[in-house]
C-alpha atoms as a PDB file:
ATOM      1  CA  MET A   1       2.242  82.331 125.036  1.00  0.00           C
ATOM      2  CA  SER A   2       3.353  82.955 121.491  1.00  0.00           C
ATOM      3  CA  THR A   3       4.959  80.396 119.293  1.00  0.00           C
ATOM      4  CA  THR A   4       7.462  80.972 116.539  1.00  0.00           C
ATOM      5  CA  THR A   5       6.974  79.123 113.279  1.00  0.00           C
ATOM      6  CA  PHE A   6      10.044  78.286 111.224  1.00  0.00           C
ATOM      7  CA  ASN A   7       9.795  79.605 107.706  1.00  0.00           C
ATOM      8  CA  PRO A   8      12.266  77.933 105.293  1.00  0.00           C
ATOM      9  CA  ALA A   9      11.888  80.755 102.820  1.00  0.00           C
ATOM     10  CA  ALA A  10      13.152  83.267 105.379  1.00  0.00           C
ATOM     11  CA  ALA A  11      16.380  81.291 106.009  1.00  0.00           C
ATOM     12  CA  PRO A  12      19.574  82.696 104.447  1.00  0.00           C
ATOM     13  CA  ALA A  13      20.355  81.161 101.092  1.00  0.00           C
ATOM     14  CA  LYS A  14      23.467  79.065 100.745  1.00  0.00           C
ATOM     15  CA  ASN A  15      26.116  80.686  98.577  1.00  0.00           C
ATOM     16  CA  MET A  16      27.549  77.809  96.556  1.00  0.00           C
ATOM     17  CA  ALA A  17      30.597  79.776  95.414  1.00  0.00           C
ATOM     18  CA  VAL A  18      31.565  80.554  99.013  1.00  0.00           C
ATOM     19  CA  ALA A  19      30.912  76.949 100.055  1.00  0.00           C
ATOM     20  CA  ARG A  20      33.113  75.593  97.267  1.00  0.00           C
ATOM     21  CA  ALA A  21      35.903  78.045  98.148  1.00  0.00           C
ATOM     22  CA  LEU A  22      35.763  77.055 101.841  1.00  0.00           C
ATOM     23  CA  GLY A  23      35.756  73.376 100.872  1.00  0.00           C
ATOM     24  CA  ARG A  24      38.824  73.806  98.661  1.00  0.00           C
ATOM     25  CA  ARG A  25      40.660  75.705 101.406  1.00  0.00           C
ATOM     26  CA  ARG A  26      39.836  73.075 104.020  1.00  0.00           C
ATOM     27  CA  ARG A  27      40.975  70.247 101.758  1.00  0.00           C
ATOM     28  CA  LEU A  28      44.175  72.147 100.962  1.00  0.00           C
ATOM     29  CA  VAL A  29      44.929  72.740 104.664  1.00  0.00           C
ATOM     30  CA  ASP A  30      44.104  69.104 105.469  1.00  0.00           C
ATOM     31  CA  LYS A  31      46.393  67.753 102.742  1.00  0.00           C
ATOM     32  CA  THR A  32      49.177  70.168 103.697  1.00  0.00           C
ATOM     33  CA  ILE A  33      49.110  69.088 107.341  1.00  0.00           C
ATOM     34  CA  GLN A  34      48.826  65.433 106.320  1.00  0.00           C
ATOM     35  CA  TYR A  35      51.850  65.643 104.007  1.00  0.00           C
ATOM     36  CA  ALA A  36      53.814  67.599 106.640  1.00  0.00           C
ATOM     37  CA  CYS A  37      53.108  64.891 109.239  1.00  0.00           C
ATOM     38  CA  VAL A  38      54.121  62.152 106.823  1.00  0.00           C
ATOM     39  CA  ALA A  39      57.302  64.031 105.877  1.00  0.00           C
ATOM     40  CA  ALA A  40      58.216  64.572 109.538  1.00  0.00           C
ATOM     41  CA  THR A  41      57.604  60.874 110.255  1.00  0.00           C
ATOM     42  CA  VAL A  42      59.762  59.798 107.327  1.00  0.00           C
ATOM     43  CA  ILE A  43      62.586  62.143 108.350  1.00  0.00           C
ATOM     44  CA  GLY A  44      62.465  60.855 111.914  1.00  0.00           C
ATOM     45  CA  LEU A  45      62.479  57.240 110.745  1.00  0.00           C
ATOM     46  CA  ILE A  46      65.427  57.931 108.434  1.00  0.00           C
ATOM     47  CA  PHE A  47      67.484  59.335 111.305  1.00  0.00           C
ATOM     48  CA  LEU A  48      66.461  56.468 113.592  1.00  0.00           C
ATOM     49  CA  ALA A  49      67.204  53.869 110.925  1.00  0.00           C
ATOM     50  CA  SER A  50      70.619  55.394 110.199  1.00  0.00           C
ATOM     51  CA  ILE A  51      71.526  55.292 113.893  1.00  0.00           C
ATOM     52  CA  LEU A  52      70.362  51.694 114.302  1.00  0.00           C
ATOM     53  CA  VAL A  53      72.017  50.492 111.093  1.00  0.00           C
ATOM     54  CA  THR A  54      75.325  52.097 112.059  1.00  0.00           C
ATOM     55  CA  LEU A  55      75.069  50.688 115.574  1.00  0.00           C
ATOM     56  CA  PHE A  56      74.278  47.160 114.422  1.00  0.00           C
ATOM     57  CA  LEU A  57      76.910  47.088 111.672  1.00  0.00           C
ATOM     58  CA  ARG A  58      79.741  48.353 113.863  1.00  0.00           C
ATOM     59  CA  GLY A  59      78.535  46.658 117.029  1.00  0.00           C
ATOM     60  CA  PHE A  60      78.109  43.169 115.578  1.00  0.00           C
ATOM     61  CA  ALA A  61      81.475  43.444 113.839  1.00  0.00           C
ATOM     62  CA  ALA A  62      83.183  43.878 117.226  1.00  0.00           C
ATOM     63  CA  LEU A  63      80.938  41.633 119.323  1.00  0.00           C
ATOM     64  CA  ASP A  64      82.391  38.252 120.270  1.00  0.00           C
ATOM     65  CA  TRP A  65      82.910  36.028 123.311  1.00  0.00           C
ATOM     66  CA  THR A  66      86.012  37.965 124.288  1.00  0.00           C
ATOM     67  CA  VAL A  67      83.976  41.133 124.729  1.00  0.00           C
ATOM     68  CA  LEU A  68      81.390  39.266 126.791  1.00  0.00           C
ATOM     69  CA  THR A  69      83.711  37.200 129.000  1.00  0.00           C
ATOM     70  CA  LYS A  70      86.921  39.186 129.517  1.00  0.00           C
ATOM     71  CA  PRO A  71      87.455  42.409 131.462  1.00  0.00           C
ATOM     72  CA  PHE A  72      89.395  45.408 130.243  1.00  0.00           C
ATOM     73  CA  GLU A  73      92.989  44.775 129.137  1.00  0.00           C
ATOM     74  CA  PRO A  74      95.287  47.813 129.496  1.00  0.00           C
ATOM     75  CA  THR A  75      97.868  46.095 127.287  1.00  0.00           C
ATOM     76  CA  THR A  76      95.657  46.637 124.228  1.00  0.00           C
ATOM     77  CA  TYR A  77      96.703  50.274 124.028  1.00  0.00           C
ATOM     78  CA  GLY A  78      98.016  50.669 120.477  1.00  0.00           C
ATOM     79  CA  ASP A  79      99.371  47.113 120.320  1.00  0.00           C
ATOM     80  CA  ASP A  80      97.564  44.947 117.792  1.00  0.00           C
ATOM     81  CA  THR A  81      99.385  41.800 118.970  1.00  0.00           C
ATOM     82  CA  ALA A  82      98.459  42.185 122.654  1.00  0.00           C
ATOM     83  CA  PRO A  83      95.568  40.292 124.276  1.00  0.00           C
ATOM     84  CA  ARG A  84      92.219  41.864 123.483  1.00  0.00           C
ATOM     85  CA  GLY A  85      90.105  42.988 126.415  1.00  0.00           C
ATOM     86  CA  GLY A  86      86.374  42.955 126.862  1.00  0.00           C
ATOM     87  CA  LEU A  87      83.450  44.408 128.786  1.00  0.00           C
ATOM     88  CA  SER A  88      82.525  41.702 131.280  1.00  0.00           C
ATOM     89  CA  HIS A  89      83.360  43.981 134.226  1.00  0.00           C
ATOM     90  CA  ALA A  90      81.124  46.720 132.814  1.00  0.00           C
ATOM     91  CA  ILE A  91      78.295  44.299 132.009  1.00  0.00           C
ATOM     92  CA  VAL A  92      78.253  42.979 135.569  1.00  0.00           C
ATOM     93  CA  GLY A  93      78.395  46.482 137.029  1.00  0.00           C
ATOM     94  CA  THR A  94      75.532  47.696 134.830  1.00  0.00           C
ATOM     95  CA  LEU A  95      73.354  44.699 135.696  1.00  0.00           C
ATOM     96  CA  ILE A  96      73.904  45.208 139.429  1.00  0.00           C
ATOM     97  CA  GLN A  97      73.340  48.957 139.459  1.00  0.00           C
ATOM     98  CA  THR A  98      70.349  49.076 137.105  1.00  0.00           C
ATOM     99  CA  ALA A  99      68.626  46.111 138.763  1.00  0.00           C
ATOM    100  CA  LEU A 100      69.041  47.557 142.260  1.00  0.00           C
ATOM    101  CA  ALA A 101      68.054  51.058 141.113  1.00  0.00           C
ATOM    102  CA  THR A 102      64.903  49.722 139.471  1.00  0.00           C
ATOM    103  CA  ALA A 103      64.088  47.644 142.570  1.00  0.00           C
ATOM    104  CA  ILE A 104      64.509  50.721 144.792  1.00  0.00           C
ATOM    105  CA  GLY A 105      62.837  53.324 142.599  1.00  0.00           C
ATOM    106  CA  THR A 106      59.842  51.315 141.327  1.00  0.00           C
ATOM    107  CA  PRO A 107      58.030  50.738 144.682  1.00  0.00           C
ATOM    108  CA  ILE A 108      58.575  54.363 145.703  1.00  0.00           C
ATOM    109  CA  GLY A 109      57.340  55.676 142.353  1.00  0.00           C
ATOM    110  CA  LEU A 110      54.372  53.288 142.380  1.00  0.00           C
ATOM    111  CA  LEU A 111      53.258  54.358 145.858  1.00  0.00           C
ATOM    112  CA  VAL A 112      53.738  58.076 145.171  1.00  0.00           C
ATOM    113  CA  GLY A 113      51.860  57.838 141.868  1.00  0.00           C
ATOM    114  CA  THR A 114      49.044  55.929 143.605  1.00  0.00           C
ATOM    115  CA  TYR A 115      48.869  58.597 146.312  1.00  0.00           C
ATOM    116  CA  LEU A 116      48.580  61.367 143.730  1.00  0.00           C
ATOM    117  CA  ALA A 117      45.913  59.560 141.713  1.00  0.00           C
ATOM    118  CA  GLU A 118      43.790  58.068 144.497  1.00  0.00           C
ATOM    119  CA  TYR A 119      44.302  60.060 147.699  1.00  0.00           C
ATOM    120  CA  ALA A 120      45.597  63.548 146.898  1.00  0.00           C
ATOM    121  CA  ARG A 121      43.213  64.831 144.257  1.00  0.00           C
ATOM    122  CA  GLY A 122      42.791  68.578 144.731  1.00  0.00           C
ATOM    123  CA  SER A 123      45.002  68.763 147.829  1.00  0.00           C
ATOM    124  CA  LYS A 124      47.840  71.238 148.187  1.00  0.00           C
ATOM    125  CA  LEU A 125      50.226  68.508 149.320  1.00  0.00           C
ATOM    126  CA  GLY A 126      49.411  66.512 146.188  1.00  0.00           C
ATOM    127  CA  GLU A 127      50.081  69.531 144.001  1.00  0.00           C
ATOM    128  CA  ALA A 128      53.428  70.110 145.737  1.00  0.00           C
ATOM    129  CA  VAL A 129      54.438  66.447 145.337  1.00  0.00           C
ATOM    130  CA  ARG A 130      53.391  66.490 141.670  1.00  0.00           C
ATOM    131  CA  PHE A 131      55.392  69.674 141.074  1.00  0.00           C
ATOM    132  CA  VAL A 132      58.534  68.202 142.647  1.00  0.00           C
ATOM    133  CA  SER A 133      58.076  65.002 140.623  1.00  0.00           C
ATOM    134  CA  ASP A 134      57.752  66.967 137.387  1.00  0.00           C
ATOM    135  CA  VAL A 135      60.887  68.954 138.236  1.00  0.00           C
ATOM    136  CA  LEU A 136      62.830  65.742 138.844  1.00  0.00           C
ATOM    137  CA  LEU A 137      61.473  64.272 135.628  1.00  0.00           C
ATOM    138  CA  SER A 138      62.831  67.147 133.553  1.00  0.00           C
ATOM    139  CA  ALA A 139      66.012  67.786 135.561  1.00  0.00           C
ATOM    140  CA  PRO A 140      69.337  67.025 133.843  1.00  0.00           C
ATOM    141  CA  SER A 141      70.730  63.759 135.132  1.00  0.00           C
ATOM    142  CA  ILE A 142      74.065  65.353 135.981  1.00  0.00           C
ATOM    143  CA  LEU A 143      72.291  67.464 138.625  1.00  0.00           C
ATOM    144  CA  ILE A 144      71.052  64.275 140.236  1.00  0.00           C
ATOM    145  CA  GLY A 145      74.612  62.983 140.099  1.00  0.00           C
ATOM    146  CA  LEU A 146      75.836  66.139 141.853  1.00  0.00           C
ATOM    147  CA  PHE A 147      73.137  65.734 144.505  1.00  0.00           C
ATOM    148  CA  ILE A 148      74.153  62.139 145.265  1.00  0.00           C
ATOM    149  CA  TYR A 149      77.827  63.150 145.130  1.00  0.00           C
ATOM    150  CA  GLN A 150      77.206  65.705 147.872  1.00  0.00           C
ATOM    151  CA  LEU A 151      74.900  63.458 149.864  1.00  0.00           C
ATOM    152  CA  VAL A 152      76.651  60.073 149.600  1.00  0.00           C
ATOM    153  CA  VAL A 153      80.057  60.209 147.898  1.00  0.00           C
ATOM    154  CA  LEU A 154      81.614  62.917 150.059  1.00  0.00           C
ATOM    155  CA  PRO A 155      80.449  61.476 153.420  1.00  0.00           C
ATOM    156  CA  MET A 156      81.597  57.973 152.364  1.00  0.00           C
ATOM    157  CA  GLY A 157      84.972  59.343 151.316  1.00  0.00           C
ATOM    158  CA  GLY A 158      84.968  57.974 147.763  1.00  0.00           C
ATOM    159  CA  PHE A 159      83.053  56.767 144.758  1.00  0.00           C
ATOM    160  CA  SER A 160      80.950  53.632 145.137  1.00  0.00           C
ATOM    161  CA  GLY A 161      78.480  51.421 143.348  1.00  0.00           C
ATOM    162  CA  LEU A 162      75.966  52.271 146.075  1.00  0.00           C
ATOM    163  CA  ALA A 163      76.115  55.956 145.152  1.00  0.00           C
ATOM    164  CA  GLY A 164      75.620  55.093 141.484  1.00  0.00           C
ATOM    165  CA  THR A 165      72.639  52.894 142.354  1.00  0.00           C
ATOM    166  CA  LEU A 166      71.008  55.672 144.385  1.00  0.00           C
ATOM    167  CA  ALA A 167      71.539  58.193 141.591  1.00  0.00           C
ATOM    168  CA  LEU A 168      69.866  55.879 139.085  1.00  0.00           C
ATOM    169  CA  ALA A 169      67.031  55.159 141.548  1.00  0.00           C
ATOM    170  CA  VAL A 170      66.307  58.889 141.824  1.00  0.00           C
ATOM    171  CA  ILE A 171      65.982  58.988 138.030  1.00  0.00           C
ATOM    172  CA  VAL A 172      63.596  56.013 138.071  1.00  0.00           C
ATOM    173  CA  ILE A 173      61.194  57.459 140.649  1.00  0.00           C
ATOM    174  CA  PRO A 174      59.645  60.417 138.731  1.00  0.00           C
ATOM    175  CA  VAL A 175      59.192  58.348 135.565  1.00  0.00           C
ATOM    176  CA  VAL A 176      57.245  55.671 137.462  1.00  0.00           C
ATOM    177  CA  VAL A 177      55.313  58.327 139.407  1.00  0.00           C
ATOM    178  CA  ARG A 178      54.101  60.074 136.275  1.00  0.00           C
ATOM    179  CA  THR A 179      53.182  56.868 134.450  1.00  0.00           C
ATOM    180  CA  THR A 180      51.399  55.358 137.462  1.00  0.00           C
ATOM    181  CA  GLU A 181      49.365  58.494 138.089  1.00  0.00           C
ATOM    182  CA  ASP A 182      48.359  58.825 134.440  1.00  0.00           C
ATOM    183  CA  MET A 183      47.367  55.162 134.128  1.00  0.00           C
ATOM    184  CA  LEU A 184      45.297  55.190 137.329  1.00  0.00           C
ATOM    185  CA  GLN A 185      43.501  58.351 136.263  1.00  0.00           C
ATOM    186  CA  LEU A 186      42.393  56.595 133.067  1.00  0.00           C
ATOM    187  CA  ILE A 187      40.429  54.042 135.090  1.00  0.00           C
ATOM    188  CA  PRO A 188      36.727  55.076 135.128  1.00  0.00           C
ATOM    189  CA  ASN A 189      35.313  56.132 138.492  1.00  0.00           C
ATOM    190  CA  THR A 190      32.359  53.811 137.951  1.00  0.00           C
ATOM    191  CA  LEU A 191      34.709  50.872 138.491  1.00  0.00           C
ATOM    192  CA  ARG A 192      35.875  52.336 141.796  1.00  0.00           C
ATOM    193  CA  GLU A 193      32.316  53.025 142.867  1.00  0.00           C
ATOM    194  CA  ALA A 194      31.283  49.467 142.058  1.00  0.00           C
ATOM    195  CA  VAL A 195      34.092  48.015 144.186  1.00  0.00           C
ATOM    196  CA  VAL A 196      33.351  50.332 147.129  1.00  0.00           C
ATOM    197  CA  ALA A 197      29.624  49.533 146.840  1.00  0.00           C
ATOM    198  CA  LEU A 198      30.451  45.870 147.415  1.00  0.00           C
ATOM    199  CA  GLY A 199      31.937  46.809 150.779  1.00  0.00           C
ATOM    200  CA  ALA A 200      35.640  46.593 149.907  1.00  0.00           C
ATOM    201  CA  PRO A 201      37.977  49.033 151.697  1.00  0.00           C
ATOM    202  CA  LYS A 202      39.738  51.585 149.582  1.00  0.00           C
ATOM    203  CA  TRP A 203      43.171  49.978 149.841  1.00  0.00           C
ATOM    204  CA  LYS A 204      41.773  46.726 148.460  1.00  0.00           C
ATOM    205  CA  MET A 205      40.093  48.654 145.670  1.00  0.00           C
ATOM    206  CA  VAL A 206      43.432  50.235 144.769  1.00  0.00           C
ATOM    207  CA  VAL A 207      45.566  47.103 145.052  1.00  0.00           C
ATOM    208  CA  LEU A 208      43.238  44.435 143.671  1.00  0.00           C
ATOM    209  CA  VAL A 209      41.339  46.436 141.060  1.00  0.00           C
ATOM    210  CA  CYS A 210      43.071  49.670 140.043  1.00  0.00           C
ATOM    211  CA  TRP A 211      46.605  48.296 139.969  1.00  0.00           C
ATOM    212  CA  ARG A 212      45.501  45.213 138.060  1.00  0.00           C
ATOM    213  CA  ALA A 213      43.584  47.316 135.543  1.00  0.00           C
ATOM    214  CA  ALA A 214      46.571  49.619 135.006  1.00  0.00           C
ATOM    215  CA  VAL A 215      49.323  46.995 135.159  1.00  0.00           C
ATOM    216  CA  SER A 216      50.237  47.274 131.465  1.00  0.00           C
ATOM    217  CA  GLY A 217      50.749  51.020 131.651  1.00  0.00           C
ATOM    218  CA  ILE A 218      52.639  50.816 134.928  1.00  0.00           C
ATOM    219  CA  VAL A 219      54.992  48.163 133.549  1.00  0.00           C
ATOM    220  CA  THR A 220      55.528  50.351 130.494  1.00  0.00           C
ATOM    221  CA  GLY A 221      56.584  53.185 132.789  1.00  0.00           C
ATOM    222  CA  VAL A 222      59.018  50.910 134.620  1.00  0.00           C
ATOM    223  CA  LEU A 223      60.488  49.813 131.292  1.00  0.00           C
ATOM    224  CA  LEU A 224      60.876  53.430 130.193  1.00  0.00           C
ATOM    225  CA  ALA A 225      62.693  54.188 133.440  1.00  0.00           C
ATOM    226  CA  PHE A 226      64.906  51.125 133.007  1.00  0.00           C
ATOM    227  CA  ALA A 227      65.724  52.105 129.431  1.00  0.00           C
ATOM    228  CA  ARG A 228      66.679  55.597 130.563  1.00  0.00           C
ATOM    229  CA  ILE A 229      69.008  54.553 133.374  1.00  0.00           C
ATOM    230  CA  ALA A 230      70.607  51.803 131.289  1.00  0.00           C
ATOM    231  CA  GLY A 231      72.311  54.432 129.154  1.00  0.00           C
ATOM    232  CA  GLU A 232      72.985  57.136 131.748  1.00  0.00           C
ATOM    233  CA  THR A 233      76.611  58.251 131.954  1.00  0.00           C
ATOM    234  CA  ALA A 234      76.730  61.680 133.612  1.00  0.00           C
ATOM    235  CA  PRO A 235      75.404  60.707 137.080  1.00  0.00           C
ATOM    236  CA  LEU A 236      77.611  57.617 137.198  1.00  0.00           C
ATOM    237  CA  LEU A 237      80.742  59.656 136.475  1.00  0.00           C
ATOM    238  CA  LEU A 238      80.062  61.545 139.717  1.00  0.00           C
ATOM    239  CA  THR A 239      78.985  58.563 141.817  1.00  0.00           C
ATOM    240  CA  SER A 240      80.252  55.090 140.887  1.00  0.00           C
ATOM    241  CA  PHE A 241      82.967  56.570 138.610  1.00  0.00           C
ATOM    242  CA  GLY A 242      83.847  53.225 137.024  1.00  0.00           C
ATOM    243  CA  ASN A 243      86.976  51.096 137.001  1.00  0.00           C
ATOM    244  CA  ASN A 244      88.711  48.592 134.746  1.00  0.00           C
ATOM    245  CA  VAL A 245      88.462  45.514 136.965  1.00  0.00           C
ATOM    246  CA  MET A 246      85.674  43.111 137.868  1.00  0.00           C
ATOM    247  CA  SER A 247      83.988  44.268 141.061  1.00  0.00           C
ATOM    248  CA  THR A 248      80.690  43.452 142.767  1.00  0.00           C
ATOM    249  CA  ASP A 249      81.430  45.460 145.915  1.00  0.00           C
ATOM    250  CA  LEU A 250      78.915  48.309 146.211  1.00  0.00           C
ATOM    251  CA  GLY A 251      81.235  50.061 148.633  1.00  0.00           C
ATOM    252  CA  THR A 252      83.900  50.724 145.997  1.00  0.00           C
ATOM    253  CA  ALA A 253      83.998  52.238 142.521  1.00  0.00           C
ATOM    254  CA  MET A 254      82.090  50.056 140.070  1.00  0.00           C
ATOM    255  CA  ALA A 255      82.260  49.776 136.311  1.00  0.00           C
ATOM    256  CA  SER A 256      79.265  50.218 134.004  1.00  0.00           C
ATOM    257  CA  LEU A 257      78.652  49.984 130.281  1.00  0.00           C
ATOM    258  CA  PRO A 258      77.866  53.692 129.705  1.00  0.00           C
ATOM    259  CA  ILE A 259      81.113  54.776 131.394  1.00  0.00           C
ATOM    260  CA  ALA A 260      83.114  52.066 129.601  1.00  0.00           C
ATOM    261  CA  ILE A 261      81.654  53.203 126.266  1.00  0.00           C
ATOM    262  CA  TYR A 262      82.478  56.820 127.071  1.00  0.00           C
ATOM    263  CA  GLN A 263      86.052  56.050 128.109  1.00  0.00           C
ATOM    264  CA  GLN A 264      86.918  53.672 125.284  1.00  0.00           C
ATOM    265  CA  ALA A 265      85.232  55.743 122.567  1.00  0.00           C
ATOM    266  CA  ASN A 266      87.429  58.681 123.618  1.00  0.00           C
ATOM    267  CA  SER A 267      90.619  56.602 123.758  1.00  0.00           C
ATOM    268  CA  GLY A 268      91.569  57.226 120.130  1.00  0.00           C
ATOM    269  CA  PHE A 269      92.602  53.600 119.534  1.00  0.00           C
ATOM    270  CA  PRO A 270      90.631  51.666 116.897  1.00  0.00           C
ATOM    271  CA  ASP A 271      90.503  48.439 118.919  1.00  0.00           C
ATOM    272  CA  LEU A 272      89.043  50.180 121.958  1.00  0.00           C
ATOM    273  CA  ILE A 273      86.617  52.193 119.830  1.00  0.00           C
ATOM    274  CA  SER A 274      85.307  48.959 118.306  1.00  0.00           C
ATOM    275  CA  ILE A 275      84.727  47.588 121.821  1.00  0.00           C
ATOM    276  CA  ALA A 276      82.790  50.772 122.625  1.00  0.00           C
ATOM    277  CA  TRP A 277      80.517  50.069 119.639  1.00  0.00           C
ATOM    278  CA  ALA A 278      79.983  46.549 120.962  1.00  0.00           C
ATOM    279  CA  GLY A 279      79.056  47.989 124.362  1.00  0.00           C
ATOM    280  CA  ALA A 280      76.534  50.365 122.799  1.00  0.00           C
ATOM    281  CA  LEU A 281      74.982  47.432 120.961  1.00  0.00           C
ATOM    282  CA  LEU A 282      74.770  45.425 124.200  1.00  0.00           C
ATOM    283  CA  VAL A 283      72.898  48.258 125.925  1.00  0.00           C
ATOM    284  CA  THR A 284      70.446  48.482 123.017  1.00  0.00           C
ATOM    285  CA  LEU A 285      69.883  44.728 122.844  1.00  0.00           C
ATOM    286  CA  GLY A 286      69.470  44.520 126.618  1.00  0.00           C
ATOM    287  CA  VAL A 287      66.752  47.170 126.691  1.00  0.00           C
ATOM    288  CA  LEU A 288      65.063  45.539 123.693  1.00  0.00           C
ATOM    289  CA  ALA A 289      65.131  42.105 125.347  1.00  0.00           C
ATOM    290  CA  VAL A 290      63.614  43.426 128.580  1.00  0.00           C
ATOM    291  CA  ASN A 291      60.796  45.118 126.637  1.00  0.00           C
ATOM    292  CA  ILE A 292      60.030  41.979 124.623  1.00  0.00           C
ATOM    293  CA  ILE A 293      60.016  39.728 127.699  1.00  0.00           C
ATOM    294  CA  ALA A 294      57.710  42.093 129.597  1.00  0.00           C
ATOM    295  CA  ARG A 295      55.300  42.333 126.657  1.00  0.00           C
ATOM    296  CA  VAL A 296      55.157  38.547 126.307  1.00  0.00           C
ATOM    297  CA  LEU A 297      54.493  38.061 130.019  1.00  0.00           C
ATOM    298  CA  LEU A 298      51.763  40.713 130.076  1.00  0.00           C
ATOM    299  CA  ARG A 299      50.119  39.192 127.012  1.00  0.00           C
ATOM    300  CA  LYS A 300      50.036  35.768 128.678  1.00  0.00           C
ATOM    301  CA  ARG A 301      48.604  37.375 131.817  1.00  0.00           C
ATOM    302  CA  LYS A 302      45.678  38.722 129.820  1.00  0.00           C
END
């Protein structure tokens, strides 16, 4: 058996000129990409800051107890001396519909995401479910509104808060499915193997170990879904439709902040437009408050 001896003298010589040229090119490409990323970040932050500054300036200027405690006043149309209306009816409607939609969509999305991550790996049914979930995730919300309109509104004979809740729940489900599946797949298999080796059944391994390990990511997905449905307008126009009176009856048309903002911003009257800015600020602050509360609770849990 022959052996090969390495001879340093026979190795190709390093061309310093070529090495320096390659080094300069790599540094140039690196700096160019770095500056491009920084520039894109700055541009994005400028647009975001301009939106938030405009929203806070105009929203806080119109926000008062009247907006929070009084429903819509039709007598405010073009009359500066008439009683000023508010958004209490829309606030109540939004709280009811988003809370119920999140309560309906979250368990379904959690269970489907768990099935895809823990039980359906490599199966054709899992691939089909994942494909449908991805389609729903990227589908325009107005298509979901049309689906619920055909499925619920027409058979019931009219718009209703129930139809709006179901439309929002359908939007919640794919977001929670995708986040749950991704978070569970990040858990190392060694952890699962250790739990099974101790004699625990698989459902206990999923519920007591995997869910607890992925709780932060799953809650983040629920918050993303909540933030999305809190500002949805198109599906609600085709389902709950909205009204200008206080209503908690899910069987009738129900007001919501996105629809109230849409209607009053298009009214053409300065007083109603200012109330629309206040409504937009309330939606933003509500989503922000929910995120902060969830983060604080999760931090205490750890």
